[in-house]
Amino acid sequence: MKQLLLIVALLSPVIITNAASDHVDQKTQPQLELYVYPGCPFCKKVIQHLEENNIKQFVKIINANEAINYRRLQVLSKSTQCPFLHDKKNNIKMLESNDIKNYLTKELV
């Protein structure tokens, strides 16, 4: 049994990280997630707003067509409607493109 554990331990990947850099990465990651469907005109409207106001880098855009993202969208929003904004920092969940645009303007512009 000890030999088996040793073999498993030797074959397991080892991840060496710097705690300070991990902290920085956590702080610099976008706290805003925007779930979108490619081709959706309402989603495009919000993305265009991000680009026009140079704030796209602060928002993580997530393709809701991918299965794992679709399931996460269902859990977060209790719906599959997009665009859907999730502000993890302030625990805000929001539908409707105009509401999302107004919120992003208030928070980031």
Protein backbone atom coordinates (compact mmCIF):
# COMPACT_ATOMS: atom_id res chain seq x y z
CA MET A 1 0.00 0.00 0.00
CA LYS A 2 2.83 2.42 0.86
CA GLN A 3 4.46 1.66 -2.50
CA LEU A 4 1.23 2.47 -4.32
CA LEU A 5 0.92 5.79 -2.50
CA LEU A 6 4.52 6.62 -3.30
CA ILE A 7 3.99 5.88 -6.99
CA VAL A 8 0.84 8.01 -7.07
CA ALA A 9 2.68 10.84 -5.30
CA LEU A 10 5.56 10.66 -7.76
CA LEU A 11 3.26 10.70 -10.77
CA SER A 12 1.07 13.54 -9.49
CA PRO A 13 1.84 16.94 -10.98
CA VAL A 14 3.46 19.41 -8.63
CA ILE A 15 2.47 23.04 -8.91
CA ILE A 16 4.88 25.54 -7.45
CA THR A 17 3.52 29.04 -7.10
CA ASN A 18 4.54 32.27 -5.54
CA ALA A 19 1.93 33.34 -2.99
CA ALA A 20 2.55 37.02 -3.72
CA SER A 21 1.98 36.60 -7.46
CA ASP A 22 -1.17 34.56 -6.80
CA HIS A 23 -2.52 37.44 -4.74
CA VAL A 24 -1.80 39.93 -7.53
CA ASP A 25 -3.45 37.66 -10.13
CA GLN A 26 -6.59 37.43 -7.99
CA LYS A 27 -6.78 41.23 -7.73
CA THR A 28 -6.20 41.86 -11.44
CA GLN A 29 -8.73 39.31 -12.70
CA PRO A 30 -12.00 40.83 -13.88
CA GLN A 31 -14.70 40.74 -11.23
CA LEU A 32 -17.36 41.28 -13.89
CA GLU A 33 -18.54 38.38 -16.03
CA LEU A 34 -20.70 38.97 -19.08
CA TYR A 35 -22.47 35.91 -20.47
CA VAL A 36 -23.28 36.27 -24.16
CA TYR A 37 -24.52 34.27 -27.12
CA PRO A 38 -22.51 34.86 -30.31
CA GLY A 39 -24.73 36.58 -32.83
CA CYS A 40 -27.19 37.89 -30.24
CA PRO A 41 -27.95 41.55 -31.11
CA PHE A 42 -28.51 42.51 -27.46
CA CYS A 43 -25.19 40.93 -26.47
CA LYS A 44 -23.44 42.75 -29.31
CA LYS A 45 -24.94 46.00 -28.05
CA VAL A 46 -23.30 45.53 -24.62
CA ILE A 47 -19.96 44.45 -26.12
CA GLN A 48 -20.00 47.50 -28.40
CA HIS A 49 -20.61 49.67 -25.32
CA LEU A 50 -17.57 48.08 -23.64
CA GLU A 51 -15.41 48.79 -26.69
CA GLU A 52 -16.64 52.37 -27.19
CA ASN A 53 -15.86 53.21 -23.56
CA ASN A 54 -12.52 51.36 -23.45
CA ILE A 55 -13.63 49.16 -20.56
CA LYS A 56 -13.64 45.75 -22.24
CA GLN A 57 -10.50 44.70 -20.34
CA PHE A 58 -12.41 44.90 -17.04
CA VAL A 59 -15.07 42.42 -18.11
CA LYS A 60 -14.64 38.72 -18.75
CA ILE A 61 -16.83 37.83 -21.73
CA ILE A 62 -18.14 34.28 -21.51
CA ASN A 63 -19.67 32.31 -24.40
CA ALA A 64 -22.93 30.94 -23.01
CA ASN A 65 -23.18 28.42 -25.87
CA GLU A 66 -20.45 26.28 -24.30
CA ALA A 67 -22.05 23.56 -22.16
CA ILE A 68 -20.24 24.34 -18.90
CA ASN A 69 -20.93 28.07 -19.26
CA TYR A 70 -24.57 27.41 -20.16
CA ARG A 71 -25.04 25.39 -16.97
CA ARG A 72 -23.32 28.07 -14.90
CA LEU A 73 -25.56 30.71 -16.48
CA GLN A 74 -28.63 28.66 -15.50
CA VAL A 75 -27.43 28.40 -11.91
CA LEU A 76 -26.49 32.07 -11.58
CA SER A 77 -29.44 33.66 -13.34
CA LYS A 78 -32.14 30.99 -12.96
CA SER A 79 -32.55 31.52 -16.71
CA THR A 80 -30.64 31.14 -19.97
CA GLN A 81 -31.29 34.68 -21.17
CA CYS A 82 -28.34 36.73 -22.37
CA PRO A 83 -26.74 39.13 -21.98
CA PHE A 84 -26.30 38.42 -18.29
CA LEU A 85 -23.88 40.34 -16.09
CA HIS A 86 -22.47 38.92 -12.88
CA ASP A 87 -20.53 41.34 -10.67
CA LYS A 88 -18.77 38.93 -8.31
CA LYS A 89 -17.36 41.68 -6.11
CA ASN A 90 -20.73 43.31 -5.36
CA ASN A 91 -22.82 40.16 -5.84
CA ILE A 92 -24.92 41.83 -8.53
CA LYS A 93 -26.73 39.74 -11.14
CA MET A 94 -28.35 41.54 -14.02
CA LEU A 95 -30.25 40.89 -17.24
CA GLU A 96 -31.32 43.34 -19.97
CA SER A 97 -28.77 45.05 -22.19
CA ASN A 98 -29.74 48.64 -21.33
CA ASP A 99 -29.60 47.95 -17.59
CA ILE A 100 -26.20 46.29 -18.02
CA LYS A 101 -24.87 49.21 -20.07
CA ASN A 102 -26.06 51.71 -17.45
CA TYR A 103 -24.50 49.68 -14.63
CA LEU A 104 -21.18 49.35 -16.46
CA THR A 105 -21.12 53.08 -17.15
CA LYS A 106 -21.80 53.84 -13.50
CA GLU A 107 -19.16 51.39 -12.25
CA LEU A 108 -16.37 51.74 -14.81
CA VAL A 109 -16.62 54.96 -16.83
